C-alpha atoms as a PDB file:
ATOM      1  CA  MET A   1       0.000   0.000   0.000  1.00  0.00           C
ATOM      2  CA  ARG A   2       1.302   3.440  -0.935  1.00  0.00           C
ATOM      3  CA  PRO A   3       1.664   6.162   1.681  1.00  0.00           C
ATOM      4  CA  THR A   4      -1.272   8.552   1.863  1.00  0.00           C
ATOM      5  CA  HIS A   5       0.496  11.260   3.891  1.00  0.00           C
ATOM      6  CA  ILE A   6       2.172  12.736   0.816  1.00  0.00           C
ATOM      7  CA  ALA A   7       0.444  15.957  -0.211  1.00  0.00           C
ATOM      8  CA  THR A   8       0.220  17.629  -3.581  1.00  0.00           C
ATOM      9  CA  THR A   9       2.578  20.566  -3.967  1.00  0.00           C
ATOM     10  CA  LEU A  10       0.324  22.566  -6.300  1.00  0.00           C
ATOM     11  CA  THR A  11      -3.423  23.081  -6.550  1.00  0.00           C
ATOM     12  CA  ALA A  12      -5.439  22.481  -9.724  1.00  0.00           C
ATOM     13  CA  GLU A  13      -5.581  26.240 -10.304  1.00  0.00           C
ATOM     14  CA  GLU A  14      -1.802  26.538  -9.982  1.00  0.00           C
ATOM     15  CA  VAL A  15      -1.213  23.634 -12.385  1.00  0.00           C
ATOM     16  CA  ASP A  16      -3.679  25.153 -14.878  1.00  0.00           C
ATOM     17  CA  HIS A  17      -1.832  28.468 -14.653  1.00  0.00           C
ATOM     18  CA  LEU A  18       1.566  26.841 -15.298  1.00  0.00           C
ATOM     19  CA  ILE A  19       0.214  25.010 -18.338  1.00  0.00           C
ATOM     20  CA  ASP A  20      -1.480  28.175 -19.652  1.00  0.00           C
ATOM     21  CA  VAL A  21       1.779  30.132 -19.320  1.00  0.00           C
ATOM     22  CA  HIS A  22       4.278  27.517 -20.523  1.00  0.00           C
ATOM     23  CA  PHE A  23       2.186  25.483 -22.999  1.00  0.00           C
ATOM     24  CA  PRO A  24      -0.561  27.784 -24.334  1.00  0.00           C
ATOM     25  CA  GLU A  25      -0.575  25.899 -27.656  1.00  0.00           C
ATOM     26  CA  ILE A  26      -2.341  22.967 -25.985  1.00  0.00           C
ATOM     27  CA  HIS A  27      -5.525  25.062 -26.036  1.00  0.00           C
ATOM     28  CA  PHE A  28      -5.274  25.967 -29.738  1.00  0.00           C
ATOM     29  CA  GLY A  29      -8.732  25.812 -31.293  1.00  0.00           C
ATOM     30  CA  GLY A  30     -10.473  25.942 -27.915  1.00  0.00           C
ATOM     31  CA  ARG A  31      -9.870  24.582 -24.428  1.00  0.00           C
ATOM     32  CA  VAL A  32     -10.881  20.920 -24.207  1.00  0.00           C
ATOM     33  CA  LEU A  33      -8.546  19.613 -21.455  1.00  0.00           C
ATOM     34  CA  PHE A  34      -9.552  20.171 -17.843  1.00  0.00           C
ATOM     35  CA  ILE A  35      -8.411  19.089 -14.386  1.00  0.00           C
ATOM     36  CA  ASP A  36     -11.267  17.598 -12.353  1.00  0.00           C
ATOM     37  CA  THR A  37      -9.286  16.660  -9.218  1.00  0.00           C
ATOM     38  CA  LEU A  38      -5.757  16.193  -7.904  1.00  0.00           C
ATOM     39  CA  THR A  39      -4.570  13.757  -5.265  1.00  0.00           C
ATOM     40  CA  ALA A  40      -1.207  12.930  -3.751  1.00  0.00           C
ATOM     41  CA  GLN A  41      -0.966   9.905  -6.065  1.00  0.00           C
ATOM     42  CA  GLY A  42      -2.563  11.181  -9.249  1.00  0.00           C
ATOM     43  CA  ALA A  43      -5.310  13.131 -10.912  1.00  0.00           C
ATOM     44  CA  ARG A  44      -8.606  12.971 -12.720  1.00  0.00           C
ATOM     45  CA  VAL A  45      -8.693  14.926 -15.980  1.00  0.00           C
ATOM     46  CA  ARG A  46     -11.286  15.448 -18.663  1.00  0.00           C
ATOM     47  CA  LEU A  47     -11.283  15.723 -22.446  1.00  0.00           C
ATOM     48  CA  LYS A  48     -14.411  17.737 -23.228  1.00  0.00           C
ATOM     49  CA  SER A  49     -16.458  16.750 -26.218  1.00  0.00           C
ATOM     50  CA  HIS A  50     -15.515  18.843 -29.259  1.00  0.00           C
ATOM     51  CA  PRO A  51     -15.751  18.226 -33.022  1.00  0.00           C
ATOM     52  CA  LYS A  52     -11.961  18.570 -33.364  1.00  0.00           C
ATOM     53  CA  ASN A  53     -11.562  15.361 -31.315  1.00  0.00           C
ATOM     54  CA  LEU A  54     -13.867  13.165 -33.373  1.00  0.00           C
ATOM     55  CA  ARG A  55     -13.001  10.891 -36.240  1.00  0.00           C
ATOM     56  CA  PRO A  56     -15.120   9.482 -39.053  1.00  0.00           C
ATOM     57  CA  GLY A  57     -17.351   6.750 -37.712  1.00  0.00           C
ATOM     58  CA  GLY A  58     -18.557   8.805 -34.764  1.00  0.00           C
ATOM     59  CA  THR A  59     -15.952   8.131 -32.105  1.00  0.00           C
ATOM     60  CA  VAL A  60     -13.327  10.035 -30.150  1.00  0.00           C
ATOM     61  CA  SER A  61     -10.034   9.934 -32.057  1.00  0.00           C
ATOM     62  CA  GLY A  62      -6.985   8.000 -30.903  1.00  0.00           C
ATOM     63  CA  PRO A  63      -4.746  11.096 -30.998  1.00  0.00           C
ATOM     64  CA  ALA A  64      -7.212  12.919 -28.731  1.00  0.00           C
ATOM     65  CA  MET A  65      -7.092  10.083 -26.185  1.00  0.00           C
ATOM     66  CA  PHE A  66      -3.280   9.970 -26.444  1.00  0.00           C
ATOM     67  CA  THR A  67      -3.220  13.700 -25.683  1.00  0.00           C
ATOM     68  CA  LEU A  68      -5.479  13.133 -22.666  1.00  0.00           C
ATOM     69  CA  ALA A  69      -3.106  10.453 -21.338  1.00  0.00           C
ATOM     70  CA  ASP A  70      -0.011  12.641 -21.792  1.00  0.00           C
ATOM     71  CA  TYR A  71      -1.731  15.726 -20.364  1.00  0.00           C
ATOM     72  CA  GLY A  72      -3.091  13.804 -17.382  1.00  0.00           C
ATOM     73  CA  ALA A  73       0.251  12.281 -16.459  1.00  0.00           C
ATOM     74  CA  TYR A  74       1.951  15.679 -16.767  1.00  0.00           C
ATOM     75  CA  VAL A  75      -0.735  17.320 -14.600  1.00  0.00           C
ATOM     76  CA  ALA A  76      -0.248  14.671 -11.893  1.00  0.00           C
ATOM     77  CA  ILE A  77       3.526  15.158 -12.007  1.00  0.00           C
ATOM     78  CA  LEU A  78       3.225  18.945 -11.726  1.00  0.00           C
ATOM     79  CA  ALA A  79       0.837  18.621  -8.794  1.00  0.00           C
ATOM     80  CA  ARG A  80       3.258  16.303  -7.014  1.00  0.00           C
ATOM     81  CA  ALA A  81       6.640  17.799  -7.984  1.00  0.00           C
ATOM     82  CA  GLY A  82       5.699  21.474  -8.160  1.00  0.00           C
ATOM     83  CA  VAL A  83       7.329  23.963 -10.517  1.00  0.00           C
ATOM     84  CA  GLY A  84      10.373  21.675 -10.867  1.00  0.00           C
ATOM     85  CA  GLY A  85       8.122  19.233 -12.693  1.00  0.00           C
ATOM     86  CA  LEU A  86       7.869  21.648 -15.641  1.00  0.00           C
ATOM     87  CA  GLN A  87      11.144  20.221 -16.931  1.00  0.00           C
ATOM     88  CA  SER A  88       9.906  16.618 -16.912  1.00  0.00           C
ATOM     89  CA  VAL A  89       9.679  15.047 -20.349  1.00  0.00           C
ATOM     90  CA  THR A  90       7.768  12.122 -21.734  1.00  0.00           C
ATOM     91  CA  THR A  91      10.105   9.222 -22.468  1.00  0.00           C
ATOM     92  CA  ASN A  92       7.483   6.601 -23.324  1.00  0.00           C
ATOM     93  CA  ILE A  93       3.747   6.091 -23.552  1.00  0.00           C
ATOM     94  CA  ASN A  94       2.147   2.746 -24.322  1.00  0.00           C
ATOM     95  CA  LEU A  95      -1.568   3.088 -25.068  1.00  0.00           C
ATOM     96  CA  ASN A  96      -4.084   0.310 -25.634  1.00  0.00           C
ATOM     97  CA  PHE A  97      -7.524   1.038 -27.029  1.00  0.00           C
ATOM     98  CA  MET A  98     -10.160  -1.230 -25.494  1.00  0.00           C
ATOM     99  CA  ARG A  99     -13.439  -0.079 -27.038  1.00  0.00           C
ATOM    100  CA  ARG A 100     -14.851   2.790 -29.085  1.00  0.00           C
ATOM    101  CA  PRO A 101     -16.081   5.678 -26.984  1.00  0.00           C
ATOM    102  CA  GLN A 102     -19.161   7.408 -28.321  1.00  0.00           C
ATOM    103  CA  PRO A 103     -18.817  11.157 -28.869  1.00  0.00           C
ATOM    104  CA  GLY A 104     -18.730  12.858 -25.477  1.00  0.00           C
ATOM    105  CA  ASP A 105     -16.357  13.644 -22.652  1.00  0.00           C
ATOM    106  CA  VAL A 106     -13.564  11.173 -21.886  1.00  0.00           C
ATOM    107  CA  ILE A 107     -12.281  10.938 -18.317  1.00  0.00           C
ATOM    108  CA  GLY A 108      -8.666  10.058 -17.514  1.00  0.00           C
ATOM    109  CA  GLU A 109      -7.835   8.662 -14.082  1.00  0.00           C
ATOM    110  CA  ILE A 110      -4.116   8.896 -13.427  1.00  0.00           C
ATOM    111  CA  ASP A 111      -2.230   6.927 -10.791  1.00  0.00           C
ATOM    112  CA  LEU A 112       1.452   7.697 -10.185  1.00  0.00           C
ATOM    113  CA  ILE A 113       2.690   4.159  -9.651  1.00  0.00           C
ATOM    114  CA  LYS A 114       6.407   5.013  -9.276  1.00  0.00           C
ATOM    115  CA  VAL A 115       7.869   8.345  -8.268  1.00  0.00           C
ATOM    116  CA  GLY A 116      11.637   8.161  -8.309  1.00  0.00           C
ATOM    117  CA  LYS A 117      14.411  10.720  -8.465  1.00  0.00           C
ATOM    118  CA  ARG A 118      14.869  10.353 -12.222  1.00  0.00           C
ATOM    119  CA  LEU A 119      11.782   8.536 -13.512  1.00  0.00           C
ATOM    120  CA  ILE A 120       8.060   8.770 -12.830  1.00  0.00           C
ATOM    121  CA  VAL A 121       5.689   6.099 -14.104  1.00  0.00           C
ATOM    122  CA  ALA A 122       1.967   6.790 -14.400  1.00  0.00           C
ATOM    123  CA  GLU A 123      -0.945   4.536 -15.233  1.00  0.00           C
ATOM    124  CA  ILE A 124      -3.862   6.162 -17.043  1.00  0.00           C
ATOM    125  CA  ALA A 125      -7.318   4.584 -17.270  1.00  0.00           C
ATOM    126  CA  MET A 126      -9.745   6.277 -19.657  1.00  0.00           C
ATOM    127  CA  PHE A 127     -13.535   6.030 -19.555  1.00  0.00           C
ATOM    128  CA  ALA A 128     -16.428   7.612 -21.424  1.00  0.00           C
ATOM    129  CA  ASP A 129     -18.078  10.030 -19.003  1.00  0.00           C
ATOM    130  CA  GLY A 130     -20.842   8.256 -17.120  1.00  0.00           C
ATOM    131  CA  SER A 131     -19.549   4.759 -17.876  1.00  0.00           C
ATOM    132  CA  ASP A 132     -17.363   2.322 -15.959  1.00  0.00           C
ATOM    133  CA  ALA A 133     -16.253   0.571 -19.157  1.00  0.00           C
ATOM    134  CA  LEU A 134     -12.567   1.142 -19.877  1.00  0.00           C
ATOM    135  CA  VAL A 135     -12.097   2.677 -23.352  1.00  0.00           C
ATOM    136  CA  ALA A 136      -8.305   2.973 -23.230  1.00  0.00           C
ATOM    137  CA  HIS A 137      -5.396   2.210 -20.910  1.00  0.00           C
ATOM    138  CA  ALA A 138      -1.940   3.779 -20.966  1.00  0.00           C
ATOM    139  CA  VAL A 139       1.319   3.590 -19.053  1.00  0.00           C
ATOM    140  CA  ALA A 140       3.546   6.644 -19.323  1.00  0.00           C
ATOM    141  CA  THR A 141       7.136   7.176 -18.216  1.00  0.00           C
ATOM    142  CA  TYR A 142       8.569  10.641 -17.665  1.00  0.00           C
ATOM    143  CA  ALA A 143      12.165  11.625 -17.025  1.00  0.00           C
ATOM    144  CA  MET A 144      12.818  14.240 -14.377  1.00  0.00           C
ATOM    145  CA  PRO A 145      15.570  16.840 -14.844  1.00  0.00           C
ATOM    146  CA  GLY A 146      18.862  16.010 -13.201  1.00  0.00           C
END
């Protein structure tokens, strides 16, 4: 069992501000990525329904779900590591698509499963809003600055 006494370093508002300042391009074409909650071990983020995230066939696109996974892991790292986490970089993401989500919001639940000095590993479970059925699963590894 992981310790629960570890607190987040930043609030959701502070993480949002850092992303807005340092990565404003993520909101190009309209803001669709949102932080629902932060915990000491992860986060819950949301990809809001938007036509730019749909693909032919009436489903949320794979690249949109990949972006949600990467964004969610980064948000969880920033919340945990603070401003120093800005320098973390994605070294690997492995994403498996389980089922087609219908158009609508997609929720990402992020769990930081390893927080080391140099590497952080996050597990991301994605669900269509209002459903318990897993639509995608990812594991992401980030390198921390040295």
